[in-house]
């Protein structure tokens, strides 16, 4: 149950308020101070192997891969008898779709410094790849906490997933299809969605 007197509740409300504020600012400004400097700095690291990694990350966040990864994970959880976890993973798709639907509402134009043959269409805020990475990666980290008994192995797996999430965000800036603040917005939206999904899952499972 949600306890309104707990620090987690107030931390969630604070995070929600900051996320809403960031969305409003992104609606009003095509980029934030430091966005272009950070983007050019990251692109200054360009190399063939980074191009390849960024392209792989790009494919991981495209719709076929997203549906495939989420679908396989959900089916595996249902097959293992973890129905609540399976429903939680499927519910993440709703929030991923919500993130995409907010793009035309905010209406922020993407940057123009495209690298490695990347393609960009539509608006940029929040980064859909970043929303997916934070939500899917966050769910994997949460599930690993309950499924992997060995503490060392569990921590290593969780750290590796966390690094993948960060790499996904950096790759979007590296390819030039998002400003850094687009990625931050995606992560913040993903964090709010992840909190809601896990809270609902735990609340319903306790009844």
C-alpha atoms as a PDB file:
ATOM      1  CA  UNK A   1       0.000   0.000   0.000  1.00  0.00           C
ATOM      2  CA  UNK A   2       1.038   3.607  -0.623  1.00  0.00           C
ATOM      3  CA  UNK A   3       1.780   5.366   2.663  1.00  0.00           C
ATOM      4  CA  UNK A   4       1.377   9.116   2.236  1.00  0.00           C
ATOM      5  CA  UNK A   5       3.539   9.775   5.250  1.00  0.00           C
ATOM      6  CA  UNK A   6       6.525   7.868   3.825  1.00  0.00           C
ATOM      7  CA  UNK A   7       9.507   9.565   2.209  1.00  0.00           C
ATOM      8  CA  UNK A   8       8.973   7.434  -0.920  1.00  0.00           C
ATOM      9  CA  UNK A   9       5.563   8.985  -1.483  1.00  0.00           C
ATOM     10  CA  UNK A  10       6.907  12.530  -1.234  1.00  0.00           C
ATOM     11  CA  UNK A  11       9.956  11.637  -3.316  1.00  0.00           C
ATOM     12  CA  UNK A  12       7.592  10.350  -6.017  1.00  0.00           C
ATOM     13  CA  UNK A  13       5.528  13.540  -5.936  1.00  0.00           C
ATOM     14  CA  UNK A  14       8.697  15.628  -6.159  1.00  0.00           C
ATOM     15  CA  UNK A  15       9.936  13.575  -9.105  1.00  0.00           C
ATOM     16  CA  UNK A  16       6.550  13.882 -10.800  1.00  0.00           C
ATOM     17  CA  UNK A  17       6.546  17.654 -10.349  1.00  0.00           C
ATOM     18  CA  UNK A  18      10.072  17.959 -11.751  1.00  0.00           C
ATOM     19  CA  UNK A  19       9.145  15.776 -14.726  1.00  0.00           C
ATOM     20  CA  UNK A  20       6.081  17.870 -15.513  1.00  0.00           C
ATOM     21  CA  UNK A  21       8.172  21.037 -15.206  1.00  0.00           C
ATOM     22  CA  UNK A  22      10.784  19.636 -17.598  1.00  0.00           C
ATOM     23  CA  UNK A  23       8.088  18.750 -20.147  1.00  0.00           C
ATOM     24  CA  UNK A  24       6.676  22.271 -19.956  1.00  0.00           C
ATOM     25  CA  UNK A  25      10.123  23.804 -20.432  1.00  0.00           C
ATOM     26  CA  UNK A  26      10.796  21.489 -23.392  1.00  0.00           C
ATOM     27  CA  UNK A  27       7.519  22.663 -24.907  1.00  0.00           C
ATOM     28  CA  UNK A  28       8.704  26.241 -24.599  1.00  0.00           C
ATOM     29  CA  UNK A  29      12.342  25.878 -25.659  1.00  0.00           C
ATOM     30  CA  UNK A  30      13.801  24.003 -28.674  1.00  0.00           C
ATOM     31  CA  UNK A  31      16.878  23.098 -26.603  1.00  0.00           C
ATOM     32  CA  UNK A  32      18.290  23.796 -23.164  1.00  0.00           C
ATOM     33  CA  UNK A  33      21.549  25.558 -22.243  1.00  0.00           C
ATOM     34  CA  UNK A  34      24.382  23.072 -22.615  1.00  0.00           C
ATOM     35  CA  UNK A  35      22.462  20.721 -24.910  1.00  0.00           C
ATOM     36  CA  UNK A  36      24.413  21.595 -28.049  1.00  0.00           C
ATOM     37  CA  UNK A  37      27.765  21.651 -26.262  1.00  0.00           C
ATOM     38  CA  UNK A  38      27.160  18.217 -24.749  1.00  0.00           C
ATOM     39  CA  UNK A  39      25.936  16.780 -28.053  1.00  0.00           C
ATOM     40  CA  UNK A  40      28.961  18.014 -29.986  1.00  0.00           C
ATOM     41  CA  UNK A  41      31.275  16.808 -27.227  1.00  0.00           C
ATOM     42  CA  UNK A  42      29.834  13.287 -27.360  1.00  0.00           C
ATOM     43  CA  UNK A  43      29.914  13.262 -31.163  1.00  0.00           C
ATOM     44  CA  UNK A  44      33.549  14.333 -30.988  1.00  0.00           C
ATOM     45  CA  UNK A  45      34.312  10.811 -29.747  1.00  0.00           C
ATOM     46  CA  UNK A  46      33.178   9.327 -33.044  1.00  0.00           C
ATOM     47  CA  UNK A  47      34.904   6.144 -34.166  1.00  0.00           C
ATOM     48  CA  UNK A  48      33.876   3.135 -36.279  1.00  0.00           C
ATOM     49  CA  UNK A  49      33.281   0.904 -33.264  1.00  0.00           C
ATOM     50  CA  UNK A  50      31.153   3.547 -31.550  1.00  0.00           C
ATOM     51  CA  UNK A  51      29.157   3.939 -34.745  1.00  0.00           C
ATOM     52  CA  UNK A  52      28.505   0.199 -34.657  1.00  0.00           C
ATOM     53  CA  UNK A  53      27.494   0.132 -30.999  1.00  0.00           C
ATOM     54  CA  UNK A  54      25.190   3.121 -31.467  1.00  0.00           C
ATOM     55  CA  UNK A  55      23.524   1.455 -34.443  1.00  0.00           C
ATOM     56  CA  UNK A  56      22.929  -1.720 -32.434  1.00  0.00           C
ATOM     57  CA  UNK A  57      21.396   0.368 -29.659  1.00  0.00           C
ATOM     58  CA  UNK A  58      19.254   2.094 -32.259  1.00  0.00           C
ATOM     59  CA  UNK A  59      17.821  -1.237 -33.432  1.00  0.00           C
ATOM     60  CA  UNK A  60      17.179  -2.380 -29.851  1.00  0.00           C
ATOM     61  CA  UNK A  61      14.807   0.529 -29.338  1.00  0.00           C
ATOM     62  CA  UNK A  62      12.842   0.174 -32.554  1.00  0.00           C
ATOM     63  CA  UNK A  63       9.248  -1.092 -32.351  1.00  0.00           C
ATOM     64  CA  UNK A  64       9.828  -4.691 -33.583  1.00  0.00           C
ATOM     65  CA  UNK A  65      12.634  -5.219 -31.063  1.00  0.00           C
ATOM     66  CA  UNK A  66      10.657  -3.567 -28.254  1.00  0.00           C
ATOM     67  CA  UNK A  67       7.599  -5.745 -28.861  1.00  0.00           C
ATOM     68  CA  UNK A  68       9.785  -8.827 -29.193  1.00  0.00           C
ATOM     69  CA  UNK A  69      11.777  -8.244 -26.012  1.00  0.00           C
ATOM     70  CA  UNK A  70       8.745  -7.305 -23.919  1.00  0.00           C
ATOM     71  CA  UNK A  71       6.710 -10.178 -25.364  1.00  0.00           C
ATOM     72  CA  UNK A  72       9.385 -12.810 -24.720  1.00  0.00           C
ATOM     73  CA  UNK A  73       9.937 -11.606 -21.158  1.00  0.00           C
ATOM     74  CA  UNK A  74       6.201 -11.523 -20.416  1.00  0.00           C
ATOM     75  CA  UNK A  75       5.631 -15.009 -21.858  1.00  0.00           C
ATOM     76  CA  UNK A  76       8.569 -16.396 -19.883  1.00  0.00           C
ATOM     77  CA  UNK A  77       7.150 -14.942 -16.660  1.00  0.00           C
ATOM     78  CA  UNK A  78       3.665 -16.280 -17.347  1.00  0.00           C
ATOM     79  CA  UNK A  79       5.122 -19.713 -18.167  1.00  0.00           C
ATOM     80  CA  UNK A  80       7.029 -19.648 -14.864  1.00  0.00           C
ATOM     81  CA  UNK A  81       3.826 -18.949 -12.976  1.00  0.00           C
ATOM     82  CA  UNK A  82       4.764 -15.342 -12.174  1.00  0.00           C
ATOM     83  CA  UNK A  83       1.511 -13.841 -13.430  1.00  0.00           C
ATOM     84  CA  UNK A  84       1.805 -10.552 -11.525  1.00  0.00           C
ATOM     85  CA  UNK A  85       5.268  -9.966 -12.964  1.00  0.00           C
ATOM     86  CA  UNK A  86       4.048 -10.845 -16.455  1.00  0.00           C
ATOM     87  CA  UNK A  87       1.177  -8.371 -16.232  1.00  0.00           C
ATOM     88  CA  UNK A  88       3.617  -5.747 -14.925  1.00  0.00           C
ATOM     89  CA  UNK A  89       5.857  -6.183 -17.964  1.00  0.00           C
ATOM     90  CA  UNK A  90       2.920  -5.996 -20.396  1.00  0.00           C
ATOM     91  CA  UNK A  91       1.663  -2.862 -18.622  1.00  0.00           C
ATOM     92  CA  UNK A  92       4.985  -1.206 -19.426  1.00  0.00           C
ATOM     93  CA  UNK A  93       3.924  -1.105 -23.076  1.00  0.00           C
ATOM     94  CA  UNK A  94       1.107   1.278 -22.152  1.00  0.00           C
ATOM     95  CA  UNK A  95       3.562   3.754 -20.662  1.00  0.00           C
ATOM     96  CA  UNK A  96       5.946   3.376 -23.603  1.00  0.00           C
ATOM     97  CA  UNK A  97       3.069   4.235 -25.928  1.00  0.00           C
ATOM     98  CA  UNK A  98       2.135   7.168 -23.674  1.00  0.00           C
ATOM     99  CA  UNK A  99       5.674   8.509 -23.960  1.00  0.00           C
ATOM    100  CA  UNK A 100       5.425   8.385 -27.748  1.00  0.00           C
ATOM    101  CA  UNK A 101       2.034  10.116 -27.717  1.00  0.00           C
ATOM    102  CA  UNK A 102       3.475  13.029 -25.715  1.00  0.00           C
ATOM    103  CA  UNK A 103       6.004  13.886 -28.424  1.00  0.00           C
ATOM    104  CA  UNK A 104       3.611  15.814 -30.679  1.00  0.00           C
ATOM    105  CA  UNK A 105       2.160  17.521 -27.599  1.00  0.00           C
ATOM    106  CA  UNK A 106       5.579  18.883 -26.615  1.00  0.00           C
ATOM    107  CA  UNK A 107       6.489  19.420 -30.271  1.00  0.00           C
ATOM    108  CA  UNK A 108      10.243  19.778 -29.850  1.00  0.00           C
ATOM    109  CA  UNK A 109      12.325  19.571 -33.034  1.00  0.00           C
ATOM    110  CA  UNK A 110      15.234  17.127 -33.119  1.00  0.00           C
ATOM    111  CA  UNK A 111      18.849  18.257 -33.635  1.00  0.00           C
ATOM    112  CA  UNK A 112      20.286  18.155 -37.126  1.00  0.00           C
ATOM    113  CA  UNK A 113      23.737  16.668 -36.487  1.00  0.00           C
ATOM    114  CA  UNK A 114      23.048  13.096 -37.666  1.00  0.00           C
ATOM    115  CA  UNK A 115      25.840  10.485 -37.534  1.00  0.00           C
ATOM    116  CA  UNK A 116      26.287   6.884 -38.690  1.00  0.00           C
ATOM    117  CA  UNK A 117      23.358   6.913 -41.079  1.00  0.00           C
ATOM    118  CA  UNK A 118      20.807   7.254 -38.295  1.00  0.00           C
ATOM    119  CA  UNK A 119      17.249   8.175 -39.196  1.00  0.00           C
ATOM    120  CA  UNK A 120      14.996  10.543 -37.301  1.00  0.00           C
ATOM    121  CA  UNK A 121      11.328  11.267 -37.817  1.00  0.00           C
ATOM    122  CA  UNK A 122       8.794  13.222 -35.838  1.00  0.00           C
ATOM    123  CA  UNK A 123       9.481  15.134 -32.669  1.00  0.00           C
ATOM    124  CA  UNK A 124      12.234  14.474 -30.148  1.00  0.00           C
ATOM    125  CA  UNK A 125      11.010  15.023 -26.581  1.00  0.00           C
ATOM    126  CA  UNK A 126      10.951  12.705 -24.730  1.00  0.00           C
ATOM    127  CA  UNK A 127      13.327  10.189 -26.291  1.00  0.00           C
ATOM    128  CA  UNK A 128      11.286   7.041 -26.952  1.00  0.00           C
ATOM    129  CA  UNK A 129      14.374   4.822 -26.908  1.00  0.00           C
ATOM    130  CA  UNK A 130      15.272   6.233 -23.490  1.00  0.00           C
ATOM    131  CA  UNK A 131      11.772   5.645 -22.119  1.00  0.00           C
ATOM    132  CA  UNK A 132      11.950   2.048 -23.301  1.00  0.00           C
ATOM    133  CA  UNK A 133      15.454   1.486 -21.954  1.00  0.00           C
ATOM    134  CA  UNK A 134      14.656   2.885 -18.508  1.00  0.00           C
ATOM    135  CA  UNK A 135      11.367   1.011 -18.224  1.00  0.00           C
ATOM    136  CA  UNK A 136      12.559  -2.324 -19.600  1.00  0.00           C
ATOM    137  CA  UNK A 137      15.939  -2.113 -17.890  1.00  0.00           C
ATOM    138  CA  UNK A 138      14.308  -1.069 -14.631  1.00  0.00           C
ATOM    139  CA  UNK A 139      11.933  -4.013 -14.766  1.00  0.00           C
ATOM    140  CA  UNK A 140      14.828  -6.387 -15.433  1.00  0.00           C
ATOM    141  CA  UNK A 141      16.738  -4.952 -12.460  1.00  0.00           C
ATOM    142  CA  UNK A 142      13.641  -5.336 -10.275  1.00  0.00           C
ATOM    143  CA  UNK A 143      13.045  -8.904 -11.428  1.00  0.00           C
ATOM    144  CA  UNK A 144      16.701  -9.831 -10.979  1.00  0.00           C
ATOM    145  CA  UNK A 145      16.406  -8.723  -7.354  1.00  0.00           C
ATOM    146  CA  UNK A 146      13.885 -11.471  -6.720  1.00  0.00           C
ATOM    147  CA  UNK A 147      15.086 -14.186  -9.071  1.00  0.00           C
ATOM    148  CA  UNK A 148      18.871 -14.285  -8.640  1.00  0.00           C
ATOM    149  CA  UNK A 149      19.839 -15.593  -5.204  1.00  0.00           C
ATOM    150  CA  UNK A 150      23.593 -15.134  -5.351  1.00  0.00           C
ATOM    151  CA  UNK A 151      24.259 -11.583  -4.166  1.00  0.00           C
ATOM    152  CA  UNK A 152      27.408 -11.040  -6.254  1.00  0.00           C
ATOM    153  CA  UNK A 153      25.840 -12.368  -9.444  1.00  0.00           C
ATOM    154  CA  UNK A 154      22.662 -10.370  -8.811  1.00  0.00           C
ATOM    155  CA  UNK A 155      24.584  -7.125  -8.349  1.00  0.00           C
ATOM    156  CA  UNK A 156      26.724  -7.719 -11.426  1.00  0.00           C
ATOM    157  CA  UNK A 157      23.640  -8.385 -13.547  1.00  0.00           C
ATOM    158  CA  UNK A 158      21.897  -5.297 -12.214  1.00  0.00           C
ATOM    159  CA  UNK A 159      24.949  -3.106 -12.818  1.00  0.00           C
ATOM    160  CA  UNK A 160      25.287  -4.442 -16.368  1.00  0.00           C
ATOM    161  CA  UNK A 161      21.638  -3.648 -17.080  1.00  0.00           C
ATOM    162  CA  UNK A 162      22.063  -0.179 -15.609  1.00  0.00           C
ATOM    163  CA  UNK A 163      25.053   0.467 -17.855  1.00  0.00           C
ATOM    164  CA  UNK A 164      23.000  -0.667 -20.861  1.00  0.00           C
ATOM    165  CA  UNK A 165      20.295   1.859 -19.970  1.00  0.00           C
ATOM    166  CA  UNK A 166      22.857   4.666 -19.743  1.00  0.00           C
ATOM    167  CA  UNK A 167      24.502   3.551 -22.999  1.00  0.00           C
ATOM    168  CA  UNK A 168      21.143   3.649 -24.763  1.00  0.00           C
ATOM    169  CA  UNK A 169      20.667   7.262 -23.735  1.00  0.00           C
ATOM    170  CA  UNK A 170      24.186   8.280 -24.740  1.00  0.00           C
ATOM    171  CA  UNK A 171      23.793   6.543 -28.109  1.00  0.00           C
ATOM    172  CA  UNK A 172      20.766   8.709 -28.929  1.00  0.00           C
ATOM    173  CA  UNK A 173      22.825  11.852 -28.386  1.00  0.00           C
ATOM    174  CA  UNK A 174      25.839  10.358 -30.197  1.00  0.00           C
ATOM    175  CA  UNK A 175      23.736   9.627 -33.279  1.00  0.00           C
ATOM    176  CA  UNK A 176      22.451  13.203 -33.236  1.00  0.00           C
ATOM    177  CA  UNK A 177      18.767  12.262 -33.129  1.00  0.00           C
ATOM    178  CA  UNK A 178      18.168  13.701 -29.639  1.00  0.00           C
ATOM    179  CA  UNK A 179      19.363  16.496 -27.428  1.00  0.00           C
ATOM    180  CA  UNK A 180      20.702  15.362 -24.037  1.00  0.00           C
ATOM    181  CA  UNK A 181      17.637  16.909 -22.393  1.00  0.00           C
ATOM    182  CA  UNK A 182      15.418  14.701 -24.591  1.00  0.00           C
ATOM    183  CA  UNK A 183      17.159  11.693 -23.073  1.00  0.00           C
ATOM    184  CA  UNK A 184      16.884  13.081 -19.545  1.00  0.00           C
ATOM    185  CA  UNK A 185      13.182  13.654 -20.142  1.00  0.00           C
ATOM    186  CA  UNK A 186      12.823  10.072 -21.336  1.00  0.00           C
ATOM    187  CA  UNK A 187      14.606   8.736 -18.271  1.00  0.00           C
ATOM    188  CA  UNK A 188      12.503  10.862 -15.920  1.00  0.00           C
ATOM    189  CA  UNK A 189       9.262   9.789 -17.575  1.00  0.00           C
ATOM    190  CA  UNK A 190      10.466   6.183 -17.453  1.00  0.00           C
ATOM    191  CA  UNK A 191      11.286   6.501 -13.751  1.00  0.00           C
ATOM    192  CA  UNK A 192       7.790   7.790 -12.957  1.00  0.00           C
ATOM    193  CA  UNK A 193       6.180   5.043 -15.031  1.00  0.00           C
ATOM    194  CA  UNK A 194       8.379   2.364 -13.467  1.00  0.00           C
ATOM    195  CA  UNK A 195       7.461   3.532  -9.965  1.00  0.00           C
ATOM    196  CA  UNK A 196       3.741   3.427 -10.779  1.00  0.00           C
ATOM    197  CA  UNK A 197       3.946  -0.040 -12.344  1.00  0.00           C
ATOM    198  CA  UNK A 198       5.948  -1.625  -9.526  1.00  0.00           C
ATOM    199  CA  UNK A 199       3.788   0.048  -6.846  1.00  0.00           C
ATOM    200  CA  UNK A 200       0.593  -1.221  -8.472  1.00  0.00           C
ATOM    201  CA  UNK A 201       2.076  -4.689  -8.851  1.00  0.00           C
ATOM    202  CA  UNK A 202       3.076  -4.864  -5.194  1.00  0.00           C
ATOM    203  CA  UNK A 203      -0.188  -3.333  -3.960  1.00  0.00           C
ATOM    204  CA  UNK A 204      -2.385  -5.730  -5.932  1.00  0.00           C
ATOM    205  CA  UNK A 205      -0.245  -8.742  -5.060  1.00  0.00           C
ATOM    206  CA  UNK A 206      -0.541  -8.002  -1.344  1.00  0.00           C
ATOM    207  CA  UNK A 207      -4.335  -8.168  -1.421  1.00  0.00           C
END
